[in-house]
Amino acid sequence: MIRFVLVRPEHDLNVGLACRAMKNFGFKELAIVSPKCELGFEARKYAKHTGDVLRNARVFGSLEEATKGFFVVGTSAQKKRFQRSLFKNCVALQRLQDRVKGKKRVAIVFGSEGTGLTEGECAACDLFVHVPTGKEHPVLNLSHSIAVVAYALSQFPKTMYVSASGKQVAQIVKLFAGSLGGSVKDRRRVVLAFERVLERANPSREEAGALLAGFSSLNK
């Protein structure tokens, strides 16, 4: 399942247009976090024949509630925002498939038109995808961003790949942390770096099982 999540949308017409963009490419699961606009006549007007997406949209009070149980992908047109951070993965849109294949529940998160996502919301994302734009005018309208990402997602081939569960990944990270020697400086930084590398690798369930077995033997 792929869920599109709008965080604090400011304009009802953009919500309506977002519904159209989603359904154009076969997506219907919409969540809205703390909307700053009415989801009434204007939203329905611009949704036109995709009113079912709007009617069935779920409204949440926080991003955490809207994405519980999902692998969370944030979106941004500003790649340099993450280049200095060791701990925030940011990939080009064309590489998104490699990072989400095999994941059963994926949430694609879009920030508000005016302010985007807060630092706390960014931290809650497992991955960020960069939507490439021209340098002269790099900012996309919300509905246009959704259309670009929805199109890219619709082109992904069906796969039988089953990625590791969040529980498996957490167990691997815990075992890795336990295997570090006492001489390692800044353990938190090392563990976070390992966790990000593991997320980028998107190991299969079988690969995760092998890693668990290996790290378990090191900790005996």
N, C-alpha and C. Protein backbone atom coordinates (compact mmCIF):
# COMPACT_ATOMS: atom_id res chain seq x y z
N MET A 1 0.84 -1.20 0.00
CA MET A 1 0.00 0.00 0.00
C MET A 1 0.88 1.25 0.00
N ILE A 2 0.50 2.22 -0.81
CA ILE A 2 1.17 3.52 -0.80
C ILE A 2 0.18 4.58 -0.35
N ARG A 3 0.53 5.30 0.68
CA ARG A 3 -0.31 6.38 1.21
C ARG A 3 0.37 7.72 0.96
N PHE A 4 -0.38 8.66 0.41
CA PHE A 4 0.11 10.03 0.26
C PHE A 4 -0.34 10.83 1.48
N VAL A 5 0.58 11.57 2.06
CA VAL A 5 0.29 12.31 3.29
C VAL A 5 0.57 13.80 3.07
N LEU A 6 -0.45 14.63 3.27
CA LEU A 6 -0.29 16.08 3.17
C LEU A 6 -0.23 16.65 4.58
N VAL A 7 0.84 17.34 4.89
CA VAL A 7 1.02 17.90 6.23
C VAL A 7 0.71 19.39 6.23
N ARG A 8 -0.30 19.76 6.97
CA ARG A 8 -0.74 21.16 7.11
C ARG A 8 -0.96 21.87 5.78
N PRO A 9 -1.71 21.29 4.85
CA PRO A 9 -1.98 22.00 3.58
C PRO A 9 -2.71 23.30 3.85
N GLU A 10 -2.34 24.35 3.10
CA GLU A 10 -2.86 25.69 3.37
C GLU A 10 -3.99 26.09 2.44
N HIS A 11 -4.10 25.44 1.28
CA HIS A 11 -5.08 25.87 0.28
C HIS A 11 -5.95 24.68 -0.14
N ASP A 12 -7.26 24.85 -0.02
CA ASP A 12 -8.17 23.76 -0.33
C ASP A 12 -8.11 23.34 -1.80
N LEU A 13 -7.82 24.30 -2.69
CA LEU A 13 -7.76 23.93 -4.11
C LEU A 13 -6.59 22.97 -4.34
N ASN A 14 -5.49 23.14 -3.60
CA ASN A 14 -4.36 22.23 -3.74
C ASN A 14 -4.69 20.82 -3.26
N VAL A 15 -5.52 20.73 -2.23
CA VAL A 15 -5.95 19.41 -1.76
C VAL A 15 -6.78 18.73 -2.84
N GLY A 16 -7.69 19.49 -3.46
CA GLY A 16 -8.50 18.94 -4.53
C GLY A 16 -7.65 18.50 -5.71
N LEU A 17 -6.70 19.35 -6.11
CA LEU A 17 -5.82 19.00 -7.22
C LEU A 17 -4.92 17.82 -6.88
N ALA A 18 -4.56 17.70 -5.61
CA ALA A 18 -3.75 16.55 -5.18
C ALA A 18 -4.51 15.25 -5.39
N CYS A 19 -5.80 15.27 -5.10
CA CYS A 19 -6.64 14.08 -5.31
C CYS A 19 -6.64 13.68 -6.78
N ARG A 20 -6.75 14.67 -7.66
CA ARG A 20 -6.74 14.39 -9.10
C ARG A 20 -5.41 13.80 -9.52
N ALA A 21 -4.31 14.41 -9.04
CA ALA A 21 -2.98 13.93 -9.42
C ALA A 21 -2.76 12.50 -8.96
N MET A 22 -3.21 12.18 -7.76
CA MET A 22 -3.05 10.83 -7.24
C MET A 22 -3.80 9.82 -8.10
N LYS A 23 -5.08 10.10 -8.34
CA LYS A 23 -5.91 9.12 -9.05
C LYS A 23 -5.52 9.01 -10.52
N ASN A 24 -4.94 10.07 -11.09
CA ASN A 24 -4.43 10.00 -12.46
C ASN A 24 -3.48 8.82 -12.63
N PHE A 25 -2.76 8.50 -11.55
CA PHE A 25 -1.74 7.45 -11.64
C PHE A 25 -2.08 6.24 -10.77
N GLY A 26 -3.36 6.13 -10.40
CA GLY A 26 -3.83 4.91 -9.76
C GLY A 26 -3.74 4.84 -8.25
N PHE A 27 -3.57 5.98 -7.58
CA PHE A 27 -3.45 5.99 -6.12
C PHE A 27 -4.68 6.64 -5.48
N LYS A 28 -5.15 6.07 -4.38
CA LYS A 28 -6.37 6.57 -3.74
C LYS A 28 -6.24 6.80 -2.24
N GLU A 29 -5.15 6.34 -1.65
CA GLU A 29 -4.99 6.41 -0.19
C GLU A 29 -4.39 7.76 0.20
N LEU A 30 -5.22 8.62 0.80
CA LEU A 30 -4.78 9.97 1.17
C LEU A 30 -4.99 10.21 2.66
N ALA A 31 -3.97 10.77 3.30
CA ALA A 31 -4.06 11.19 4.70
C ALA A 31 -3.70 12.67 4.77
N ILE A 32 -4.40 13.40 5.62
CA ILE A 32 -4.16 14.84 5.78
C ILE A 32 -3.89 15.12 7.25
N VAL A 33 -2.76 15.78 7.52
CA VAL A 33 -2.37 16.08 8.89
C VAL A 33 -2.62 17.56 9.21
N SER A 34 -3.45 17.81 10.19
CA SER A 34 -3.72 19.17 10.68
C SER A 34 -3.91 20.19 9.55
N PRO A 35 -4.92 20.01 8.71
CA PRO A 35 -5.12 20.94 7.59
C PRO A 35 -5.37 22.36 8.06
N LYS A 36 -4.79 23.32 7.35
CA LYS A 36 -4.98 24.74 7.65
C LYS A 36 -6.05 25.37 6.77
N CYS A 37 -6.75 24.55 6.02
CA CYS A 37 -7.79 25.03 5.12
C CYS A 37 -9.04 24.18 5.29
N GLU A 38 -10.15 24.69 4.78
CA GLU A 38 -11.39 23.92 4.78
C GLU A 38 -11.32 22.85 3.71
N LEU A 39 -11.83 21.69 4.02
CA LEU A 39 -11.88 20.61 3.03
C LEU A 39 -13.30 20.52 2.49
N GLY A 40 -13.79 21.65 2.01
CA GLY A 40 -15.18 21.75 1.60
C GLY A 40 -15.36 21.96 0.11
N PHE A 41 -16.15 22.99 -0.23
CA PHE A 41 -16.57 23.19 -1.61
C PHE A 41 -15.40 23.33 -2.57
N GLU A 42 -14.43 24.19 -2.24
CA GLU A 42 -13.30 24.43 -3.15
C GLU A 42 -12.50 23.15 -3.38
N ALA A 43 -12.28 22.40 -2.32
CA ALA A 43 -11.54 21.14 -2.46
C ALA A 43 -12.30 20.18 -3.36
N ARG A 44 -13.62 20.08 -3.15
CA ARG A 44 -14.44 19.18 -3.98
C ARG A 44 -14.47 19.67 -5.42
N LYS A 45 -14.53 20.98 -5.60
CA LYS A 45 -14.57 21.56 -6.95
C LYS A 45 -13.34 21.18 -7.76
N TYR A 46 -12.17 21.30 -7.14
CA TYR A 46 -10.94 21.02 -7.88
C TYR A 46 -10.61 19.54 -7.93
N ALA A 47 -11.20 18.76 -7.04
CA ALA A 47 -11.03 17.31 -7.13
C ALA A 47 -11.81 16.75 -8.32
N LYS A 48 -12.90 17.44 -8.68
CA LYS A 48 -13.77 17.05 -9.80
C LYS A 48 -14.19 15.59 -9.67
N HIS A 49 -13.79 14.76 -10.65
CA HIS A 49 -14.26 13.37 -10.70
C HIS A 49 -13.45 12.44 -9.79
N THR A 50 -12.62 13.02 -8.94
CA THR A 50 -11.87 12.20 -7.98
C THR A 50 -12.32 12.50 -6.55
N GLY A 51 -13.57 12.88 -6.44
CA GLY A 51 -14.12 13.20 -5.13
C GLY A 51 -14.07 12.05 -4.15
N ASP A 52 -14.03 10.82 -4.66
CA ASP A 52 -13.96 9.66 -3.76
C ASP A 52 -12.66 9.66 -2.96
N VAL A 53 -11.58 10.12 -3.59
CA VAL A 53 -10.30 10.20 -2.87
C VAL A 53 -10.41 11.19 -1.73
N LEU A 54 -11.05 12.33 -2.00
CA LEU A 54 -11.23 13.36 -0.97
C LEU A 54 -12.16 12.88 0.14
N ARG A 55 -13.27 12.25 -0.24
CA ARG A 55 -14.24 11.78 0.76
C ARG A 55 -13.64 10.74 1.68
N ASN A 56 -12.79 9.90 1.12
CA ASN A 56 -12.21 8.80 1.91
C ASN A 56 -10.90 9.18 2.60
N ALA A 57 -10.46 10.43 2.40
CA ALA A 57 -9.22 10.87 3.04
C ALA A 57 -9.38 10.86 4.56
N ARG A 58 -8.33 10.45 5.24
CA ARG A 58 -8.35 10.42 6.70
C ARG A 58 -7.57 11.60 7.25
N VAL A 59 -8.13 12.26 8.25
CA VAL A 59 -7.49 13.43 8.86
C VAL A 59 -6.88 13.03 10.20
N PHE A 60 -5.62 13.40 10.40
CA PHE A 60 -4.90 13.06 11.63
C PHE A 60 -4.38 14.32 12.31
N GLY A 61 -4.08 14.18 13.58
CA GLY A 61 -3.56 15.32 14.33
C GLY A 61 -2.06 15.45 14.29
N SER A 62 -1.37 14.39 13.85
CA SER A 62 0.09 14.44 13.80
C SER A 62 0.61 13.52 12.70
N LEU A 63 1.83 13.79 12.27
CA LEU A 63 2.46 12.94 11.26
C LEU A 63 2.68 11.54 11.81
N GLU A 64 3.01 11.45 13.07
CA GLU A 64 3.23 10.14 13.69
C GLU A 64 1.99 9.26 13.59
N GLU A 65 0.82 9.84 13.84
CA GLU A 65 -0.42 9.07 13.74
C GLU A 65 -0.70 8.65 12.30
N ALA A 66 -0.45 9.56 11.36
CA ALA A 66 -0.76 9.30 9.95
C ALA A 66 0.14 8.25 9.33
N THR A 67 1.31 8.04 9.91
CA THR A 67 2.29 7.14 9.29
C THR A 67 2.64 5.94 10.17
N LYS A 68 1.87 5.71 11.21
CA LYS A 68 2.16 4.59 12.10
C LYS A 68 2.13 3.27 11.33
N GLY A 69 3.21 2.51 11.41
CA GLY A 69 3.29 1.23 10.72
C GLY A 69 3.75 1.33 9.28
N PHE A 70 4.10 2.53 8.83
CA PHE A 70 4.54 2.76 7.45
C PHE A 70 6.04 3.04 7.40
N PHE A 71 6.65 2.73 6.26
CA PHE A 71 7.99 3.22 5.94
C PHE A 71 7.78 4.62 5.40
N VAL A 72 8.39 5.62 6.02
CA VAL A 72 8.04 7.02 5.76
C VAL A 72 9.07 7.69 4.85
N VAL A 73 8.58 8.22 3.73
CA VAL A 73 9.43 8.91 2.76
C VAL A 73 9.02 10.37 2.68
N GLY A 74 9.90 11.26 3.09
CA GLY A 74 9.64 12.69 2.96
C GLY A 74 10.05 13.17 1.59
N THR A 75 9.52 14.30 1.16
CA THR A 75 9.86 14.85 -0.16
C THR A 75 10.43 16.25 -0.01
N SER A 76 11.34 16.58 -0.93
CA SER A 76 11.94 17.92 -0.90
C SER A 76 12.52 18.26 -2.26
N ALA A 77 12.43 19.53 -2.65
CA ALA A 77 13.08 20.01 -3.86
C ALA A 77 14.47 20.53 -3.53
N GLN A 78 14.81 20.61 -2.24
CA GLN A 78 16.08 21.18 -1.81
C GLN A 78 17.00 20.09 -1.28
N LYS A 79 17.72 19.47 -2.19
CA LYS A 79 18.60 18.37 -1.82
C LYS A 79 19.70 18.80 -0.85
N LYS A 80 20.21 20.02 -1.02
CA LYS A 80 21.33 20.47 -0.19
C LYS A 80 20.95 20.55 1.28
N ARG A 81 19.65 20.55 1.57
CA ARG A 81 19.21 20.58 2.96
C ARG A 81 19.73 19.38 3.73
N PHE A 82 19.99 18.28 3.04
CA PHE A 82 20.39 17.05 3.71
C PHE A 82 21.83 16.65 3.45
N GLN A 83 22.54 17.39 2.59
CA GLN A 83 23.88 16.98 2.21
C GLN A 83 24.86 17.01 3.38
N ARG A 84 24.63 17.89 4.35
CA ARG A 84 25.55 18.00 5.47
C ARG A 84 25.23 17.04 6.61
N SER A 85 24.14 16.34 6.47
CA SER A 85 23.73 15.44 7.55
C SER A 85 24.14 14.01 7.24
N LEU A 86 24.90 13.44 8.15
CA LEU A 86 25.31 12.05 7.98
C LEU A 86 24.14 11.10 8.17
N PHE A 87 23.13 11.56 8.88
CA PHE A 87 22.10 10.66 9.35
C PHE A 87 20.77 10.78 8.63
N LYS A 88 20.72 11.49 7.52
CA LYS A 88 19.46 11.60 6.80
C LYS A 88 19.68 11.19 5.34
N ASN A 89 19.13 10.06 4.97
CA ASN A 89 19.26 9.59 3.60
C ASN A 89 18.38 10.40 2.66
N CYS A 90 18.96 10.85 1.57
CA CYS A 90 18.20 11.58 0.55
C CYS A 90 18.58 11.02 -0.81
N VAL A 91 17.60 10.53 -1.55
CA VAL A 91 17.88 9.90 -2.84
C VAL A 91 17.13 10.63 -3.94
N ALA A 92 17.65 10.49 -5.15
CA ALA A 92 16.97 11.05 -6.31
C ALA A 92 15.70 10.25 -6.59
N LEU A 93 14.72 10.89 -7.18
CA LEU A 93 13.43 10.25 -7.43
C LEU A 93 13.58 8.96 -8.21
N GLN A 94 14.48 8.96 -9.18
CA GLN A 94 14.63 7.77 -10.02
C GLN A 94 15.22 6.57 -9.27
N ARG A 95 15.75 6.82 -8.07
CA ARG A 95 16.30 5.72 -7.27
C ARG A 95 15.37 5.28 -6.15
N LEU A 96 14.21 5.88 -6.10
CA LEU A 96 13.27 5.57 -5.02
C LEU A 96 12.85 4.11 -5.03
N GLN A 97 12.68 3.55 -6.21
CA GLN A 97 12.22 2.16 -6.30
C GLN A 97 13.13 1.20 -5.53
N ASP A 98 14.44 1.41 -5.66
CA ASP A 98 15.38 0.51 -4.99
C ASP A 98 15.23 0.56 -3.47
N ARG A 99 14.78 1.71 -2.97
CA ARG A 99 14.70 1.89 -1.52
C ARG A 99 13.38 1.43 -0.91
N VAL A 100 12.33 1.35 -1.73
CA VAL A 100 11.03 0.98 -1.15
C VAL A 100 10.52 -0.37 -1.64
N LYS A 101 11.23 -1.00 -2.57
CA LYS A 101 10.74 -2.28 -3.09
C LYS A 101 10.64 -3.29 -1.96
N GLY A 102 9.57 -4.04 -1.99
CA GLY A 102 9.36 -5.07 -0.98
C GLY A 102 8.73 -4.58 0.31
N LYS A 103 8.57 -3.28 0.46
CA LYS A 103 7.95 -2.74 1.68
C LYS A 103 6.44 -2.70 1.48
N LYS A 104 5.71 -3.25 2.43
CA LYS A 104 4.26 -3.41 2.26
C LYS A 104 3.49 -2.11 2.44
N ARG A 105 3.98 -1.21 3.28
CA ARG A 105 3.26 0.03 3.58
C ARG A 105 4.24 1.20 3.51
N VAL A 106 4.03 2.05 2.50
CA VAL A 106 4.92 3.19 2.29
C VAL A 106 4.10 4.47 2.33
N ALA A 107 4.55 5.44 3.11
CA ALA A 107 3.88 6.75 3.18
C ALA A 107 4.78 7.80 2.52
N ILE A 108 4.23 8.53 1.55
CA ILE A 108 4.96 9.61 0.88
C ILE A 108 4.46 10.92 1.47
N VAL A 109 5.34 11.67 2.10
CA VAL A 109 4.95 12.83 2.89
C VAL A 109 5.32 14.14 2.20
N PHE A 110 4.34 15.05 2.14
CA PHE A 110 4.54 16.37 1.53
C PHE A 110 4.25 17.43 2.58
N GLY A 111 5.17 18.38 2.74
CA GLY A 111 4.98 19.45 3.71
C GLY A 111 4.05 20.53 3.19
N SER A 112 3.73 21.48 4.04
CA SER A 112 2.82 22.57 3.67
C SER A 112 3.45 23.45 2.59
N GLU A 113 2.59 24.14 1.85
CA GLU A 113 3.05 24.97 0.74
C GLU A 113 4.00 26.06 1.19
N GLY A 114 3.77 26.62 2.37
CA GLY A 114 4.56 27.76 2.81
C GLY A 114 5.83 27.42 3.56
N THR A 115 5.76 26.41 4.43
CA THR A 115 6.89 26.13 5.32
C THR A 115 7.48 24.74 5.19
N GLY A 116 6.85 23.86 4.44
CA GLY A 116 7.37 22.51 4.31
C GLY A 116 7.24 21.73 5.60
N LEU A 117 8.16 20.82 5.83
CA LEU A 117 8.15 19.99 7.03
C LEU A 117 9.05 20.60 8.11
N THR A 118 8.66 20.43 9.36
CA THR A 118 9.49 20.90 10.46
C THR A 118 10.68 19.96 10.64
N GLU A 119 11.65 20.39 11.44
CA GLU A 119 12.81 19.53 11.71
C GLU A 119 12.38 18.23 12.38
N GLY A 120 11.41 18.33 13.29
CA GLY A 120 10.93 17.13 13.96
C GLY A 120 10.27 16.17 12.99
N GLU A 121 9.50 16.70 12.04
CA GLU A 121 8.84 15.86 11.04
C GLU A 121 9.86 15.24 10.10
N CYS A 122 10.90 16.00 9.76
CA CYS A 122 11.97 15.45 8.92
C CYS A 122 12.64 14.28 9.63
N ALA A 123 12.86 14.44 10.92
CA ALA A 123 13.52 13.39 11.70
C ALA A 123 12.67 12.13 11.76
N ALA A 124 11.35 12.27 11.63
CA ALA A 124 10.45 11.12 11.69
C ALA A 124 10.43 10.33 10.39
N CYS A 125 11.03 10.87 9.33
CA CYS A 125 11.06 10.18 8.04
C CYS A 125 12.22 9.19 8.00
N ASP A 126 11.98 8.04 7.39
CA ASP A 126 13.02 7.03 7.23
C ASP A 126 13.94 7.36 6.07
N LEU A 127 13.41 8.12 5.13
CA LEU A 127 14.12 8.41 3.88
C LEU A 127 13.57 9.70 3.30
N PHE A 128 14.40 10.40 2.53
CA PHE A 128 13.91 11.55 1.80
C PHE A 128 14.16 11.35 0.32
N VAL A 129 13.21 11.78 -0.49
CA VAL A 129 13.38 11.73 -1.93
C VAL A 129 13.46 13.15 -2.46
N HIS A 130 14.42 13.37 -3.34
CA HIS A 130 14.64 14.68 -3.94
C HIS A 130 13.92 14.75 -5.28
N VAL A 131 13.03 15.73 -5.42
CA VAL A 131 12.32 15.95 -6.68
C VAL A 131 13.12 16.99 -7.47
N PRO A 132 13.83 16.58 -8.52
CA PRO A 132 14.70 17.52 -9.23
C PRO A 132 13.92 18.58 -10.00
N THR A 133 14.39 19.80 -9.92
CA THR A 133 13.76 20.93 -10.61
C THR A 133 14.85 21.83 -11.19
N GLY A 134 14.43 22.80 -12.00
CA GLY A 134 15.37 23.76 -12.56
C GLY A 134 15.88 24.72 -11.49
N LYS A 135 17.11 25.19 -11.64
CA LYS A 135 17.72 26.06 -10.64
C LYS A 135 17.07 27.44 -10.60
N GLU A 136 16.58 27.91 -11.73
CA GLU A 136 16.03 29.26 -11.79
C GLU A 136 14.76 29.39 -10.96
N HIS A 137 13.92 28.35 -10.99
CA HIS A 137 12.69 28.36 -10.19
C HIS A 137 12.47 26.95 -9.67
N PRO A 138 13.09 26.60 -8.53
CA PRO A 138 13.11 25.22 -8.06
C PRO A 138 11.87 24.74 -7.31
N VAL A 139 10.94 25.64 -6.98
CA VAL A 139 9.81 25.27 -6.13
C VAL A 139 8.62 24.82 -6.96
N LEU A 140 8.15 23.61 -6.69
CA LEU A 140 6.97 23.08 -7.37
C LEU A 140 5.71 23.35 -6.55
N ASN A 141 4.59 23.54 -7.24
CA ASN A 141 3.30 23.56 -6.57
C ASN A 141 3.07 22.19 -5.93
N LEU A 142 2.35 22.16 -4.82
CA LEU A 142 2.11 20.91 -4.10
C LEU A 142 1.53 19.83 -5.00
N SER A 143 0.49 20.16 -5.75
CA SER A 143 -0.15 19.15 -6.59
C SER A 143 0.78 18.68 -7.71
N HIS A 144 1.65 19.58 -8.20
CA HIS A 144 2.60 19.19 -9.23
C HIS A 144 3.63 18.21 -8.67
N SER A 145 4.08 18.47 -7.44
CA SER A 145 5.02 17.55 -6.79
C SER A 145 4.40 16.17 -6.64
N ILE A 146 3.15 16.15 -6.24
CA ILE A 146 2.45 14.88 -6.07
C ILE A 146 2.33 14.15 -7.39
N ALA A 147 2.02 14.89 -8.46
CA ALA A 147 1.89 14.28 -9.78
C ALA A 147 3.21 13.66 -10.23
N VAL A 148 4.31 14.37 -10.02
CA VAL A 148 5.62 13.86 -10.43
C VAL A 148 5.97 12.58 -9.68
N VAL A 149 5.77 12.60 -8.36
CA VAL A 149 6.10 11.43 -7.55
C VAL A 149 5.14 10.27 -7.85
N ALA A 150 3.86 10.58 -8.01
CA ALA A 150 2.88 9.53 -8.30
C ALA A 150 3.18 8.86 -9.64
N TYR A 151 3.57 9.66 -10.63
CA TYR A 151 3.94 9.07 -11.93
C TYR A 151 5.12 8.13 -11.77
N ALA A 152 6.15 8.59 -11.05
CA ALA A 152 7.34 7.75 -10.86
C ALA A 152 6.98 6.44 -10.16
N LEU A 153 6.15 6.53 -9.13
CA LEU A 153 5.74 5.32 -8.40
C LEU A 153 4.92 4.38 -9.28
N SER A 154 4.11 4.95 -10.16
CA SER A 154 3.26 4.12 -11.02
C SER A 154 4.06 3.32 -12.04
N GLN A 155 5.29 3.73 -12.28
CA GLN A 155 6.13 3.05 -13.27
C GLN A 155 6.92 1.89 -12.67
N PHE A 156 6.87 1.74 -11.36
CA PHE A 156 7.62 0.67 -10.72
C PHE A 156 7.04 -0.68 -11.13
N PRO A 157 7.87 -1.61 -11.58
CA PRO A 157 7.36 -2.95 -11.89
C PRO A 157 6.98 -3.69 -10.62
N LYS A 158 6.03 -4.60 -10.76
CA LYS A 158 5.65 -5.43 -9.62
C LYS A 158 6.82 -6.34 -9.26
N THR A 159 7.02 -6.58 -7.99
CA THR A 159 8.15 -7.39 -7.56
C THR A 159 7.74 -8.35 -6.45
N MET A 160 8.42 -9.48 -6.41
CA MET A 160 8.18 -10.46 -5.36
C MET A 160 9.15 -10.26 -4.20
N TYR A 161 10.01 -9.25 -4.32
CA TYR A 161 11.01 -8.97 -3.29
C TYR A 161 10.32 -8.62 -1.97
N VAL A 162 10.76 -9.24 -0.90
CA VAL A 162 10.21 -8.95 0.43
C VAL A 162 11.33 -8.39 1.29
N SER A 163 11.22 -7.12 1.64
CA SER A 163 12.30 -6.49 2.40
C SER A 163 12.20 -6.85 3.89
N ALA A 164 13.28 -6.60 4.59
CA ALA A 164 13.33 -6.87 6.03
C ALA A 164 12.29 -6.02 6.75
N SER A 165 11.74 -6.55 7.80
CA SER A 165 10.76 -5.79 8.59
C SER A 165 11.48 -4.76 9.45
N GLY A 166 10.72 -3.77 9.91
CA GLY A 166 11.30 -2.77 10.80
C GLY A 166 11.84 -3.40 12.07
N LYS A 167 11.17 -4.45 12.54
CA LYS A 167 11.62 -5.15 13.75
C LYS A 167 12.96 -5.82 13.52
N GLN A 168 13.13 -6.44 12.35
CA GLN A 168 14.41 -7.09 12.04
C GLN A 168 15.54 -6.06 11.99
N VAL A 169 15.28 -4.94 11.33
CA VAL A 169 16.30 -3.89 11.21
C VAL A 169 16.69 -3.37 12.59
N ALA A 170 15.69 -3.15 13.44
CA ALA A 170 15.96 -2.65 14.79
C ALA A 170 16.80 -3.66 15.58
N GLN A 171 16.52 -4.95 15.39
CA GLN A 171 17.28 -5.99 16.09
C GLN A 171 18.73 -6.02 15.61
N ILE A 172 18.92 -5.87 14.29
CA ILE A 172 20.28 -5.86 13.74
C ILE A 172 21.08 -4.69 14.31
N VAL A 173 20.44 -3.52 14.35
CA VAL A 173 21.12 -2.32 14.87
C VAL A 173 21.48 -2.52 16.34
N LYS A 174 20.57 -3.10 17.10
CA LYS A 174 20.82 -3.34 18.52
C LYS A 174 22.00 -4.30 18.72
N LEU A 175 22.04 -5.37 17.91
CA LEU A 175 23.13 -6.33 18.02
C LEU A 175 24.45 -5.72 17.58
N PHE A 176 24.39 -4.87 16.54
CA PHE A 176 25.61 -4.19 16.09
C PHE A 176 26.16 -3.30 17.20
N ALA A 177 25.27 -2.56 17.84
CA ALA A 177 25.68 -1.67 18.93
C ALA A 177 26.33 -2.47 20.06
N GLY A 178 25.77 -3.66 20.32
CA GLY A 178 26.31 -4.49 21.38
C GLY A 178 27.65 -5.11 21.04
N SER A 179 27.96 -5.18 19.75
CA SER A 179 29.22 -5.79 19.32
C SER A 179 30.39 -4.81 19.30
N LEU A 180 30.10 -3.51 19.47
CA LEU A 180 31.16 -2.50 19.43
C LEU A 180 32.05 -2.60 20.66
N GLY A 181 33.33 -2.48 20.44
CA GLY A 181 34.27 -2.53 21.56
C GLY A 181 34.25 -1.26 22.38
N GLY A 182 34.80 -1.33 23.56
CA GLY A 182 34.81 -0.18 24.45
C GLY A 182 35.67 0.97 23.98
N SER A 183 36.57 0.70 23.01
CA SER A 183 37.47 1.76 22.54
C SER A 183 36.82 2.66 21.48
N VAL A 184 35.63 2.28 21.02
CA VAL A 184 34.96 3.07 19.98
C VAL A 184 34.50 4.41 20.55
N LYS A 185 34.91 5.49 19.90
CA LYS A 185 34.51 6.82 20.34
C LYS A 185 33.19 7.22 19.66
N ASP A 186 32.41 7.99 20.34
CA ASP A 186 31.13 8.50 19.82
C ASP A 186 30.27 7.35 19.30
N ARG A 187 29.94 6.43 20.18
CA ARG A 187 29.18 5.23 19.81
C ARG A 187 27.86 5.58 19.13
N ARG A 188 27.19 6.62 19.63
CA ARG A 188 25.89 6.99 19.06
C ARG A 188 26.03 7.34 17.58
N ARG A 189 27.05 8.09 17.25
CA ARG A 189 27.28 8.48 15.86
C ARG A 189 27.56 7.26 14.98
N VAL A 190 28.34 6.34 15.50
CA VAL A 190 28.67 5.12 14.76
C VAL A 190 27.42 4.27 14.53
N VAL A 191 26.62 4.12 15.57
CA VAL A 191 25.40 3.31 15.46
C VAL A 191 24.40 3.96 14.49
N LEU A 192 24.25 5.27 14.57
CA LEU A 192 23.34 5.96 13.65
C LEU A 192 23.81 5.83 12.21
N ALA A 193 25.12 5.93 11.99
CA ALA A 193 25.66 5.77 10.64
C ALA A 193 25.37 4.37 10.11
N PHE A 194 25.56 3.35 10.95
CA PHE A 194 25.28 1.98 10.55
C PHE A 194 23.80 1.80 10.20
N GLU A 195 22.95 2.40 11.02
CA GLU A 195 21.51 2.30 10.78
C GLU A 195 21.13 2.90 9.43
N ARG A 196 21.72 4.05 9.08
CA ARG A 196 21.43 4.69 7.80
C ARG A 196 21.94 3.85 6.63
N VAL A 197 23.11 3.27 6.78
CA VAL A 197 23.65 2.40 5.73
C VAL A 197 22.72 1.21 5.52
N LEU A 198 22.23 0.65 6.60
CA LEU A 198 21.31 -0.49 6.52
C LEU A 198 20.02 -0.09 5.82
N GLU A 199 19.51 1.10 6.12
CA GLU A 199 18.30 1.58 5.47
C GLU A 199 18.51 1.76 3.97
N ARG A 200 19.67 2.29 3.60
CA ARG A 200 19.95 2.47 2.17
C ARG A 200 20.03 1.13 1.45
N ALA A 201 20.57 0.13 2.13
CA ALA A 201 20.73 -1.18 1.51
C ALA A 201 19.40 -1.88 1.28
N ASN A 202 18.39 -1.58 2.12
CA ASN A 202 17.08 -2.22 2.02
C ASN A 202 17.21 -3.73 1.87
N PRO A 203 17.81 -4.41 2.86
CA PRO A 203 18.04 -5.86 2.75
C PRO A 203 16.74 -6.65 2.70
N SER A 204 16.82 -7.82 2.09
CA SER A 204 15.66 -8.70 2.04
C SER A 204 15.47 -9.35 3.41
N ARG A 205 14.34 -10.00 3.57
CA ARG A 205 14.06 -10.69 4.84
C ARG A 205 15.11 -11.77 5.11
N GLU A 206 15.50 -12.48 4.04
CA GLU A 206 16.50 -13.53 4.19
C GLU A 206 17.87 -12.95 4.55
N GLU A 207 18.24 -11.84 3.91
CA GLU A 207 19.52 -11.20 4.21
C GLU A 207 19.55 -10.70 5.65
N ALA A 208 18.43 -10.15 6.08
CA ALA A 208 18.34 -9.67 7.46
C ALA A 208 18.52 -10.82 8.44
N GLY A 209 17.93 -11.97 8.10
CA GLY A 209 18.07 -13.14 8.95
C GLY A 209 19.52 -13.57 9.08
N ALA A 210 20.25 -13.50 7.96
CA ALA A 210 21.66 -13.87 7.98
C ALA A 210 22.48 -12.90 8.83
N LEU A 211 22.17 -11.61 8.71
CA LEU A 211 22.87 -10.60 9.52
C LEU A 211 22.58 -10.79 11.00
N LEU A 212 21.34 -11.10 11.32
CA LEU A 212 20.98 -11.35 12.71
C LEU A 212 21.76 -12.53 13.29
N ALA A 213 21.87 -13.57 12.48
CA ALA A 213 22.61 -14.75 12.94
C ALA A 213 24.08 -14.41 13.16
N GLY A 214 24.64 -13.63 12.23
CA GLY A 214 26.05 -13.26 12.34
C GLY A 214 26.34 -12.40 13.55
N PHE A 215 25.54 -11.35 13.74
CA PHE A 215 25.77 -10.46 14.89
C PHE A 215 25.45 -11.16 16.21
N SER A 216 24.49 -12.07 16.18
CA SER A 216 24.17 -12.82 17.41
C SER A 216 25.36 -13.65 17.86
N SER A 217 26.06 -14.25 16.88
CA SER A 217 27.23 -15.07 17.23
C SER A 217 28.36 -14.21 17.80
N LEU A 218 28.45 -12.96 17.33
CA LEU A 218 29.50 -12.06 17.84
C LEU A 218 29.24 -11.64 19.28
N ASN A 219 27.96 -11.62 19.64
CA ASN A 219 27.59 -11.15 20.98
C ASN A 219 27.54 -12.26 22.03
N LYS A 220 27.86 -13.48 21.63
CA LYS A 220 27.83 -14.59 22.59
C LYS A 220 29.10 -14.59 23.44
